[in-house]
Amino acid sequence: LLLERGEMDTAQGKLSLAILLFQD
């Protein structure tokens, strides 16, 4: 969804990515 909405490079996108990576 972040990729589809173009929000991967936003502040919330990077933060969500970091937390998801930690969860994985």
mmCIF file of all heavy atoms, coordinates in Angstrom:
data_MODEL
# 
_entry.id   MODEL 
# 
loop_
_atom_site.group_PDB 
_atom_site.id 
_atom_site.type_symbol 
_atom_site.label_atom_id 
_atom_site.label_alt_id 
_atom_site.label_comp_id 
_atom_site.label_asym_id 
_atom_site.label_entity_id 
_atom_site.label_seq_id 
_atom_site.pdbx_PDB_ins_code 
_atom_site.Cartn_x 
_atom_site.Cartn_y 
_atom_site.Cartn_z 
_atom_site.occupancy 
_atom_site.B_iso_or_equiv 
_atom_site.pdbx_formal_charge 
_atom_site.auth_seq_id 
_atom_site.auth_comp_id 
_atom_site.auth_asym_id 
_atom_site.auth_atom_id 
_atom_site.pdbx_PDB_model_num 
ATOM 1   N N   . LEU A 1 1  ? 0.818  -1.206  0.000  1.00 0.00 ? 1  LEU A N   1 
ATOM 2   C CA  . LEU A 1 1  ? 0.000  0.000   0.000  1.00 0.00 ? 1  LEU A CA  1 
ATOM 3   C C   . LEU A 1 1  ? 0.855  1.261   0.000  1.00 0.00 ? 1  LEU A C   1 
ATOM 4   O O   . LEU A 1 1  ? 0.518  2.255   -0.659 1.00 0.00 ? 1  LEU A O   1 
ATOM 5   C CB  . LEU A 1 1  ? -0.939 -0.005  1.205  1.00 0.00 ? 1  LEU A CB  1 
ATOM 6   C CG  . LEU A 1 1  ? -2.062 -1.053  1.173  1.00 0.00 ? 1  LEU A CG  1 
ATOM 7   C CD1 . LEU A 1 1  ? -2.821 -1.065  2.491  1.00 0.00 ? 1  LEU A CD1 1 
ATOM 8   C CD2 . LEU A 1 1  ? -3.020 -0.773  0.021  1.00 0.00 ? 1  LEU A CD2 1 
ATOM 9   N N   . LEU A 1 2  ? 1.966  1.246   0.734  1.00 0.00 ? 2  LEU A N   1 
ATOM 10  C CA  . LEU A 1 2  ? 2.864  2.409   0.736  1.00 0.00 ? 2  LEU A CA  1 
ATOM 11  C C   . LEU A 1 2  ? 3.454  2.649   -0.649 1.00 0.00 ? 2  LEU A C   1 
ATOM 12  O O   . LEU A 1 2  ? 3.578  3.800   -1.089 1.00 0.00 ? 2  LEU A O   1 
ATOM 13  C CB  . LEU A 1 2  ? 3.978  2.212   1.764  1.00 0.00 ? 2  LEU A CB  1 
ATOM 14  C CG  . LEU A 1 2  ? 3.581  2.314   3.238  1.00 0.00 ? 2  LEU A CG  1 
ATOM 15  C CD1 . LEU A 1 2  ? 4.764  1.981   4.136  1.00 0.00 ? 2  LEU A CD1 1 
ATOM 16  C CD2 . LEU A 1 2  ? 3.066  3.721   3.566  1.00 0.00 ? 2  LEU A CD2 1 
ATOM 17  N N   . LEU A 1 3  ? 3.826  1.572   -1.328 1.00 0.00 ? 3  LEU A N   1 
ATOM 18  C CA  . LEU A 1 3  ? 4.360  1.709   -2.680 1.00 0.00 ? 3  LEU A CA  1 
ATOM 19  C C   . LEU A 1 3  ? 3.296  2.236   -3.642 1.00 0.00 ? 3  LEU A C   1 
ATOM 20  O O   . LEU A 1 3  ? 3.567  3.103   -4.479 1.00 0.00 ? 3  LEU A O   1 
ATOM 21  C CB  . LEU A 1 3  ? 4.904  0.367   -3.170 1.00 0.00 ? 3  LEU A CB  1 
ATOM 22  C CG  . LEU A 1 3  ? 6.226  -0.090  -2.556 1.00 0.00 ? 3  LEU A CG  1 
ATOM 23  C CD1 . LEU A 1 3  ? 6.536  -1.531  -2.951 1.00 0.00 ? 3  LEU A CD1 1 
ATOM 24  C CD2 . LEU A 1 3  ? 7.375  0.820   -2.992 1.00 0.00 ? 3  LEU A CD2 1 
ATOM 25  N N   . GLU A 1 4  ? 2.079  1.707   -3.539 1.00 0.00 ? 4  GLU A N   1 
ATOM 26  C CA  . GLU A 1 4  ? 1.002  2.150   -4.423 1.00 0.00 ? 4  GLU A CA  1 
ATOM 27  C C   . GLU A 1 4  ? 0.668  3.618   -4.207 1.00 0.00 ? 4  GLU A C   1 
ATOM 28  O O   . GLU A 1 4  ? 0.353  4.336   -5.162 1.00 0.00 ? 4  GLU A O   1 
ATOM 29  C CB  . GLU A 1 4  ? -0.247 1.291   -4.186 1.00 0.00 ? 4  GLU A CB  1 
ATOM 30  C CG  . GLU A 1 4  ? -0.125 -0.140  -4.701 1.00 0.00 ? 4  GLU A CG  1 
ATOM 31  C CD  . GLU A 1 4  ? -1.354 -0.965  -4.377 1.00 0.00 ? 4  GLU A CD  1 
ATOM 32  O OE1 . GLU A 1 4  ? -2.234 -0.460  -3.641 1.00 0.00 ? 4  GLU A OE1 1 
ATOM 33  O OE2 . GLU A 1 4  ? -1.447 -2.116  -4.850 1.00 0.00 ? 4  GLU A OE2 1 
ATOM 34  N N   . ARG A 1 5  ? 0.755  4.099   -2.964 1.00 0.00 ? 5  ARG A N   1 
ATOM 35  C CA  . ARG A 1 5  ? 0.401  5.481   -2.642 1.00 0.00 ? 5  ARG A CA  1 
ATOM 36  C C   . ARG A 1 5  ? 1.582  6.432   -2.773 1.00 0.00 ? 5  ARG A C   1 
ATOM 37  O O   . ARG A 1 5  ? 1.431  7.634   -2.556 1.00 0.00 ? 5  ARG A O   1 
ATOM 38  C CB  . ARG A 1 5  ? -0.167 5.541   -1.215 1.00 0.00 ? 5  ARG A CB  1 
ATOM 39  C CG  . ARG A 1 5  ? -1.507 4.834   -1.063 1.00 0.00 ? 5  ARG A CG  1 
ATOM 40  C CD  . ARG A 1 5  ? -1.932 4.762   0.393  1.00 0.00 ? 5  ARG A CD  1 
ATOM 41  N NE  . ARG A 1 5  ? -1.929 6.064   1.032  1.00 0.00 ? 5  ARG A NE  1 
ATOM 42  C CZ  . ARG A 1 5  ? -2.903 6.961   0.929  1.00 0.00 ? 5  ARG A CZ  1 
ATOM 43  N NH1 . ARG A 1 5  ? -3.972 6.658   0.196  1.00 0.00 ? 5  ARG A NH1 1 
ATOM 44  N NH2 . ARG A 1 5  ? -2.833 8.118   1.527  1.00 0.00 ? 5  ARG A NH2 1 
ATOM 45  N N   . GLY A 1 6  ? 2.770  5.894   -3.123 1.00 0.00 ? 6  GLY A N   1 
ATOM 46  C CA  . GLY A 1 6  ? 3.944  6.739   -3.277 1.00 0.00 ? 6  GLY A CA  1 
ATOM 47  C C   . GLY A 1 6  ? 4.442  7.327   -1.969 1.00 0.00 ? 6  GLY A C   1 
ATOM 48  O O   . GLY A 1 6  ? 4.983  8.436   -1.943 1.00 0.00 ? 6  GLY A O   1 
ATOM 49  N N   . GLU A 1 7  ? 4.277  6.609   -0.852 1.00 0.00 ? 7  GLU A N   1 
ATOM 50  C CA  . GLU A 1 7  ? 4.630  7.124   0.467  1.00 0.00 ? 7  GLU A CA  1 
ATOM 51  C C   . GLU A 1 7  ? 5.807  6.390   1.095  1.00 0.00 ? 7  GLU A C   1 
ATOM 52  O O   . GLU A 1 7  ? 6.064  6.558   2.285  1.00 0.00 ? 7  GLU A O   1 
ATOM 53  C CB  . GLU A 1 7  ? 3.416  7.047   1.402  1.00 0.00 ? 7  GLU A CB  1 
ATOM 54  C CG  . GLU A 1 7  ? 2.243  7.903   0.965  1.00 0.00 ? 7  GLU A CG  1 
ATOM 55  C CD  . GLU A 1 7  ? 1.064  7.831   1.928  1.00 0.00 ? 7  GLU A CD  1 
ATOM 56  O OE1 . GLU A 1 7  ? 1.220  7.195   2.985  1.00 0.00 ? 7  GLU A OE1 1 
ATOM 57  O OE2 . GLU A 1 7  ? 0.006  8.400   1.622  1.00 0.00 ? 7  GLU A OE2 1 
ATOM 58  N N   . MET A 1 8  ? 6.539  5.609   0.302  1.00 0.00 ? 8  MET A N   1 
ATOM 59  C CA  . MET A 1 8  ? 7.643  4.846   0.877  1.00 0.00 ? 8  MET A CA  1 
ATOM 60  C C   . MET A 1 8  ? 8.760  5.756   1.379  1.00 0.00 ? 8  MET A C   1 
ATOM 61  O O   . MET A 1 8  ? 9.440  5.453   2.371  1.00 0.00 ? 8  MET A O   1 
ATOM 62  C CB  . MET A 1 8  ? 8.189  3.869   -0.166 1.00 0.00 ? 8  MET A CB  1 
ATOM 63  C CG  . MET A 1 8  ? 9.241  2.903   0.389  1.00 0.00 ? 8  MET A CG  1 
ATOM 64  S SD  . MET A 1 8  ? 8.623  1.911   1.764  1.00 0.00 ? 8  MET A SD  1 
ATOM 65  C CE  . MET A 1 8  ? 7.618  0.743   0.886  1.00 0.00 ? 8  MET A CE  1 
ATOM 66  N N   . ASP A 1 9  ? 8.976  6.909   0.715  1.00 0.00 ? 9  ASP A N   1 
ATOM 67  C CA  . ASP A 1 9  ? 10.053 7.812   1.101  1.00 0.00 ? 9  ASP A CA  1 
ATOM 68  C C   . ASP A 1 9  ? 9.606  8.887   2.073  1.00 0.00 ? 9  ASP A C   1 
ATOM 69  O O   . ASP A 1 9  ? 10.386 9.790   2.392  1.00 0.00 ? 9  ASP A O   1 
ATOM 70  C CB  . ASP A 1 9  ? 10.646 8.482   -0.152 1.00 0.00 ? 9  ASP A CB  1 
ATOM 71  C CG  . ASP A 1 9  ? 11.383 7.479   -1.032 1.00 0.00 ? 9  ASP A CG  1 
ATOM 72  O OD1 . ASP A 1 9  ? 11.960 6.528   -0.480 1.00 0.00 ? 9  ASP A OD1 1 
ATOM 73  O OD2 . ASP A 1 9  ? 11.385 7.651   -2.259 1.00 0.00 ? 9  ASP A OD2 1 
ATOM 74  N N   . THR A 1 10 ? 8.362  8.834   2.541  1.00 0.00 ? 10 THR A N   1 
ATOM 75  C CA  . THR A 1 10 ? 7.891  9.815   3.513  1.00 0.00 ? 10 THR A CA  1 
ATOM 76  C C   . THR A 1 10 ? 8.384  9.438   4.909  1.00 0.00 ? 10 THR A C   1 
ATOM 77  O O   . THR A 1 10 ? 8.910  8.335   5.140  1.00 0.00 ? 10 THR A O   1 
ATOM 78  C CB  . THR A 1 10 ? 6.361  9.878   3.510  1.00 0.00 ? 10 THR A CB  1 
ATOM 79  O OG1 . THR A 1 10 ? 5.838  8.579   3.876  1.00 0.00 ? 10 THR A OG1 1 
ATOM 80  C CG2 . THR A 1 10 ? 5.834  10.236  2.128  1.00 0.00 ? 10 THR A CG2 1 
ATOM 81  N N   . ALA A 1 11 ? 8.197  10.361  5.846  1.00 0.00 ? 11 ALA A N   1 
ATOM 82  C CA  . ALA A 1 11 ? 8.646  10.101  7.222  1.00 0.00 ? 11 ALA A CA  1 
ATOM 83  C C   . ALA A 1 11 ? 7.929  8.889   7.808  1.00 0.00 ? 11 ALA A C   1 
ATOM 84  O O   . ALA A 1 11 ? 8.550  8.010   8.416  1.00 0.00 ? 11 ALA A O   1 
ATOM 85  C CB  . ALA A 1 11 ? 8.412  11.334  8.085  1.00 0.00 ? 11 ALA A CB  1 
ATOM 86  N N   . GLN A 1 12 ? 6.596  8.840   7.612  1.00 0.00 ? 12 GLN A N   1 
ATOM 87  C CA  . GLN A 1 12 ? 5.849  7.697   8.148  1.00 0.00 ? 12 GLN A CA  1 
ATOM 88  C C   . GLN A 1 12 ? 6.162  6.414   7.393  1.00 0.00 ? 12 GLN A C   1 
ATOM 89  O O   . GLN A 1 12 ? 6.127  5.316   7.970  1.00 0.00 ? 12 GLN A O   1 
ATOM 90  C CB  . GLN A 1 12 ? 4.344  7.971   8.124  1.00 0.00 ? 12 GLN A CB  1 
ATOM 91  C CG  . GLN A 1 12 ? 3.723  8.074   6.737  1.00 0.00 ? 12 GLN A CG  1 
ATOM 92  C CD  . GLN A 1 12 ? 3.714  9.483   6.209  1.00 0.00 ? 12 GLN A CD  1 
ATOM 93  O OE1 . GLN A 1 12 ? 4.454  10.333  6.705  1.00 0.00 ? 12 GLN A OE1 1 
ATOM 94  N NE2 . GLN A 1 12 ? 2.884  9.760   5.231  1.00 0.00 ? 12 GLN A NE2 1 
ATOM 95  N N   . GLY A 1 13 ? 6.503  6.529   6.094  1.00 0.00 ? 13 GLY A N   1 
ATOM 96  C CA  . GLY A 1 13 ? 6.863  5.343   5.321  1.00 0.00 ? 13 GLY A CA  1 
ATOM 97  C C   . GLY A 1 13 ? 8.161  4.727   5.808  1.00 0.00 ? 13 GLY A C   1 
ATOM 98  O O   . GLY A 1 13 ? 8.256  3.503   5.990  1.00 0.00 ? 13 GLY A O   1 
ATOM 99  N N   . LYS A 1 14 ? 9.168  5.560   6.020  1.00 0.00 ? 14 LYS A N   1 
ATOM 100 C CA  . LYS A 1 14 ? 10.457 5.050   6.505  1.00 0.00 ? 14 LYS A CA  1 
ATOM 101 C C   . LYS A 1 14 ? 10.331 4.490   7.913  1.00 0.00 ? 14 LYS A C   1 
ATOM 102 O O   . LYS A 1 14 ? 10.942 3.464   8.242  1.00 0.00 ? 14 LYS A O   1 
ATOM 103 C CB  . LYS A 1 14 ? 11.494 6.165   6.469  1.00 0.00 ? 14 LYS A CB  1 
ATOM 104 C CG  . LYS A 1 14 ? 11.860 6.621   5.064  1.00 0.00 ? 14 LYS A CG  1 
ATOM 105 C CD  . LYS A 1 14 ? 12.853 7.766   5.098  1.00 0.00 ? 14 LYS A CD  1 
ATOM 106 C CE  . LYS A 1 14 ? 13.212 8.215   3.694  1.00 0.00 ? 14 LYS A CE  1 
ATOM 107 N NZ  . LYS A 1 14 ? 14.150 9.364   3.697  1.00 0.00 ? 14 LYS A NZ  1 
ATOM 108 N N   . LEU A 1 15 ? 9.551  5.168   8.757  1.00 0.00 ? 15 LEU A N   1 
ATOM 109 C CA  . LEU A 1 15 ? 9.366  4.685   10.126 1.00 0.00 ? 15 LEU A CA  1 
ATOM 110 C C   . LEU A 1 15 ? 8.631  3.347   10.137 1.00 0.00 ? 15 LEU A C   1 
ATOM 111 O O   . LEU A 1 15 ? 9.027  2.418   10.861 1.00 0.00 ? 15 LEU A O   1 
ATOM 112 C CB  . LEU A 1 15 ? 8.590  5.730   10.925 1.00 0.00 ? 15 LEU A CB  1 
ATOM 113 C CG  . LEU A 1 15 ? 8.266  5.376   12.377 1.00 0.00 ? 15 LEU A CG  1 
ATOM 114 C CD1 . LEU A 1 15 ? 9.539  5.176   13.181 1.00 0.00 ? 15 LEU A CD1 1 
ATOM 115 C CD2 . LEU A 1 15 ? 7.416  6.478   13.012 1.00 0.00 ? 15 LEU A CD2 1 
ATOM 116 N N   . SER A 1 16 ? 7.573  3.238   9.337  1.00 0.00 ? 16 SER A N   1 
ATOM 117 C CA  . SER A 1 16 ? 6.832  1.968   9.261  1.00 0.00 ? 16 SER A CA  1 
ATOM 118 C C   . SER A 1 16 ? 7.717  0.854   8.733  1.00 0.00 ? 16 SER A C   1 
ATOM 119 O O   . SER A 1 16 ? 7.670  -0.282  9.224  1.00 0.00 ? 16 SER A O   1 
ATOM 120 C CB  . SER A 1 16 ? 5.600  2.133   8.359  1.00 0.00 ? 16 SER A CB  1 
ATOM 121 O OG  . SER A 1 16 ? 4.742  3.126   8.841  1.00 0.00 ? 16 SER A OG  1 
ATOM 122 N N   . LEU A 1 17 ? 8.540  1.167   7.743  1.00 0.00 ? 17 LEU A N   1 
ATOM 123 C CA  . LEU A 1 17 ? 9.453  0.174   7.190  1.00 0.00 ? 17 LEU A CA  1 
ATOM 124 C C   . LEU A 1 17 ? 10.422 -0.327  8.255  1.00 0.00 ? 17 LEU A C   1 
ATOM 125 O O   . LEU A 1 17 ? 10.679 -1.538  8.366  1.00 0.00 ? 17 LEU A O   1 
ATOM 126 C CB  . LEU A 1 17 ? 10.218 0.781   6.015  1.00 0.00 ? 17 LEU A CB  1 
ATOM 127 C CG  . LEU A 1 17 ? 11.331 -0.068  5.403  1.00 0.00 ? 17 LEU A CG  1 
ATOM 128 C CD1 . LEU A 1 17 ? 10.763 -1.340  4.788  1.00 0.00 ? 17 LEU A CD1 1 
ATOM 129 C CD2 . LEU A 1 17 ? 12.092 0.728   4.353  1.00 0.00 ? 17 LEU A CD2 1 
ATOM 130 N N   . ALA A 1 18 ? 10.963 0.595   9.053  1.00 0.00 ? 18 ALA A N   1 
ATOM 131 C CA  . ALA A 1 18 ? 11.913 0.199   10.095 1.00 0.00 ? 18 ALA A CA  1 
ATOM 132 C C   . ALA A 1 18 ? 11.252 -0.701  11.141 1.00 0.00 ? 18 ALA A C   1 
ATOM 133 O O   . ALA A 1 18 ? 11.824 -1.720  11.556 1.00 0.00 ? 18 ALA A O   1 
ATOM 134 C CB  . ALA A 1 18 ? 12.494 1.446   10.763 1.00 0.00 ? 18 ALA A CB  1 
ATOM 135 N N   . ILE A 1 19 ? 10.043 -0.353  11.564 1.00 0.00 ? 19 ILE A N   1 
ATOM 136 C CA  . ILE A 1 19 ? 9.340  -1.163  12.567 1.00 0.00 ? 19 ILE A CA  1 
ATOM 137 C C   . ILE A 1 19 ? 8.960  -2.527  11.995 1.00 0.00 ? 19 ILE A C   1 
ATOM 138 O O   . ILE A 1 19 ? 9.085  -3.564  12.668 1.00 0.00 ? 19 ILE A O   1 
ATOM 139 C CB  . ILE A 1 19 ? 8.100  -0.409  13.083 1.00 0.00 ? 19 ILE A CB  1 
ATOM 140 C CG1 . ILE A 1 19 ? 8.532  0.842   13.852 1.00 0.00 ? 19 ILE A CG1 1 
ATOM 141 C CG2 . ILE A 1 19 ? 7.252  -1.311  13.974 1.00 0.00 ? 19 ILE A CG2 1 
ATOM 142 C CD1 . ILE A 1 19 ? 7.381  1.706   14.327 1.00 0.00 ? 19 ILE A CD1 1 
ATOM 143 N N   . LEU A 1 20 ? 8.507  -2.559  10.749 1.00 0.00 ? 20 LEU A N   1 
ATOM 144 C CA  . LEU A 1 20 ? 8.164  -3.832  10.112 1.00 0.00 ? 20 LEU A CA  1 
ATOM 145 C C   . LEU A 1 20 ? 9.389  -4.720  9.974  1.00 0.00 ? 20 LEU A C   1 
ATOM 146 O O   . LEU A 1 20 ? 9.306  -5.948  10.162 1.00 0.00 ? 20 LEU A O   1 
ATOM 147 C CB  . LEU A 1 20 ? 7.546  -3.576  8.740  1.00 0.00 ? 20 LEU A CB  1 
ATOM 148 C CG  . LEU A 1 20 ? 6.127  -3.016  8.730  1.00 0.00 ? 20 LEU A CG  1 
ATOM 149 C CD1 . LEU A 1 20 ? 5.746  -2.569  7.327  1.00 0.00 ? 20 LEU A CD1 1 
ATOM 150 C CD2 . LEU A 1 20 ? 5.129  -4.042  9.244  1.00 0.00 ? 20 LEU A CD2 1 
ATOM 151 N N   . LEU A 1 21 ? 10.515 -4.121  9.638  1.00 0.00 ? 21 LEU A N   1 
ATOM 152 C CA  . LEU A 1 21 ? 11.744 -4.904  9.523  1.00 0.00 ? 21 LEU A CA  1 
ATOM 153 C C   . LEU A 1 21 ? 12.126 -5.502  10.870 1.00 0.00 ? 21 LEU A C   1 
ATOM 154 O O   . LEU A 1 21 ? 12.516 -6.673  10.951 1.00 0.00 ? 21 LEU A O   1 
ATOM 155 C CB  . LEU A 1 21 ? 12.866 -4.019  8.986  1.00 0.00 ? 21 LEU A CB  1 
ATOM 156 C CG  . LEU A 1 21 ? 14.251 -4.666  8.861  1.00 0.00 ? 21 LEU A CG  1 
ATOM 157 C CD1 . LEU A 1 21 ? 14.202 -5.897  7.970  1.00 0.00 ? 21 LEU A CD1 1 
ATOM 158 C CD2 . LEU A 1 21 ? 15.264 -3.665  8.322  1.00 0.00 ? 21 LEU A CD2 1 
ATOM 159 N N   . PHE A 1 22 ? 11.989 -4.719  11.932 1.00 0.00 ? 22 PHE A N   1 
ATOM 160 C CA  . PHE A 1 22 ? 12.278 -5.244  13.273 1.00 0.00 ? 22 PHE A CA  1 
ATOM 161 C C   . PHE A 1 22 ? 11.325 -6.379  13.618 1.00 0.00 ? 22 PHE A C   1 
ATOM 162 O O   . PHE A 1 22 ? 11.725 -7.391  14.204 1.00 0.00 ? 22 PHE A O   1 
ATOM 163 C CB  . PHE A 1 22 ? 12.173 -4.118  14.301 1.00 0.00 ? 22 PHE A CB  1 
ATOM 164 C CG  . PHE A 1 22 ? 12.521 -4.547  15.696 1.00 0.00 ? 22 PHE A CG  1 
ATOM 165 C CD1 . PHE A 1 22 ? 13.845 -4.606  16.110 1.00 0.00 ? 22 PHE A CD1 1 
ATOM 166 C CD2 . PHE A 1 22 ? 11.531 -4.918  16.593 1.00 0.00 ? 22 PHE A CD2 1 
ATOM 167 C CE1 . PHE A 1 22 ? 14.168 -5.020  17.396 1.00 0.00 ? 22 PHE A CE1 1 
ATOM 168 C CE2 . PHE A 1 22 ? 11.842 -5.327  17.873 1.00 0.00 ? 22 PHE A CE2 1 
ATOM 169 C CZ  . PHE A 1 22 ? 13.167 -5.379  18.280 1.00 0.00 ? 22 PHE A CZ  1 
ATOM 170 N N   . GLN A 1 23 ? 10.046 -6.236  13.269 1.00 0.00 ? 23 GLN A N   1 
ATOM 171 C CA  . GLN A 1 23 ? 9.085  -7.300  13.525 1.00 0.00 ? 23 GLN A CA  1 
ATOM 172 C C   . GLN A 1 23 ? 9.457  -8.576  12.769 1.00 0.00 ? 23 GLN A C   1 
ATOM 173 O O   . GLN A 1 23 ? 9.348  -9.687  13.315 1.00 0.00 ? 23 GLN A O   1 
ATOM 174 C CB  . GLN A 1 23 ? 7.682  -6.847  13.109 1.00 0.00 ? 23 GLN A CB  1 
ATOM 175 C CG  . GLN A 1 23 ? 7.080  -5.763  13.973 1.00 0.00 ? 23 GLN A CG  1 
ATOM 176 C CD  . GLN A 1 23 ? 5.706  -5.359  13.497 1.00 0.00 ? 23 GLN A CD  1 
ATOM 177 O OE1 . GLN A 1 23 ? 5.207  -5.864  12.501 1.00 0.00 ? 23 GLN A OE1 1 
ATOM 178 N NE2 . GLN A 1 23 ? 5.075  -4.427  14.198 1.00 0.00 ? 23 GLN A NE2 1 
ATOM 179 N N   . ASP A 1 24 ? 9.890  -8.414  11.513 1.00 0.00 ? 24 ASP A N   1 
ATOM 180 C CA  . ASP A 1 24 ? 10.274 -9.595  10.735 1.00 0.00 ? 24 ASP A CA  1 
ATOM 181 C C   . ASP A 1 24 ? 11.476 -10.299 11.352 1.00 0.00 ? 24 ASP A C   1 
ATOM 182 O O   . ASP A 1 24 ? 11.578 -11.531 11.308 1.00 0.00 ? 24 ASP A O   1 
ATOM 183 C CB  . ASP A 1 24 ? 10.585 -9.187  9.291  1.00 0.00 ? 24 ASP A CB  1 
ATOM 184 C CG  . ASP A 1 24 ? 9.338  -8.739  8.546  1.00 0.00 ? 24 ASP A CG  1 
ATOM 185 O OD1 . ASP A 1 24 ? 8.238  -9.133  8.962  1.00 0.00 ? 24 ASP A OD1 1 
ATOM 186 O OD2 . ASP A 1 24 ? 9.462  -7.981  7.573  1.00 0.00 ? 24 ASP A OD2 1 
# 
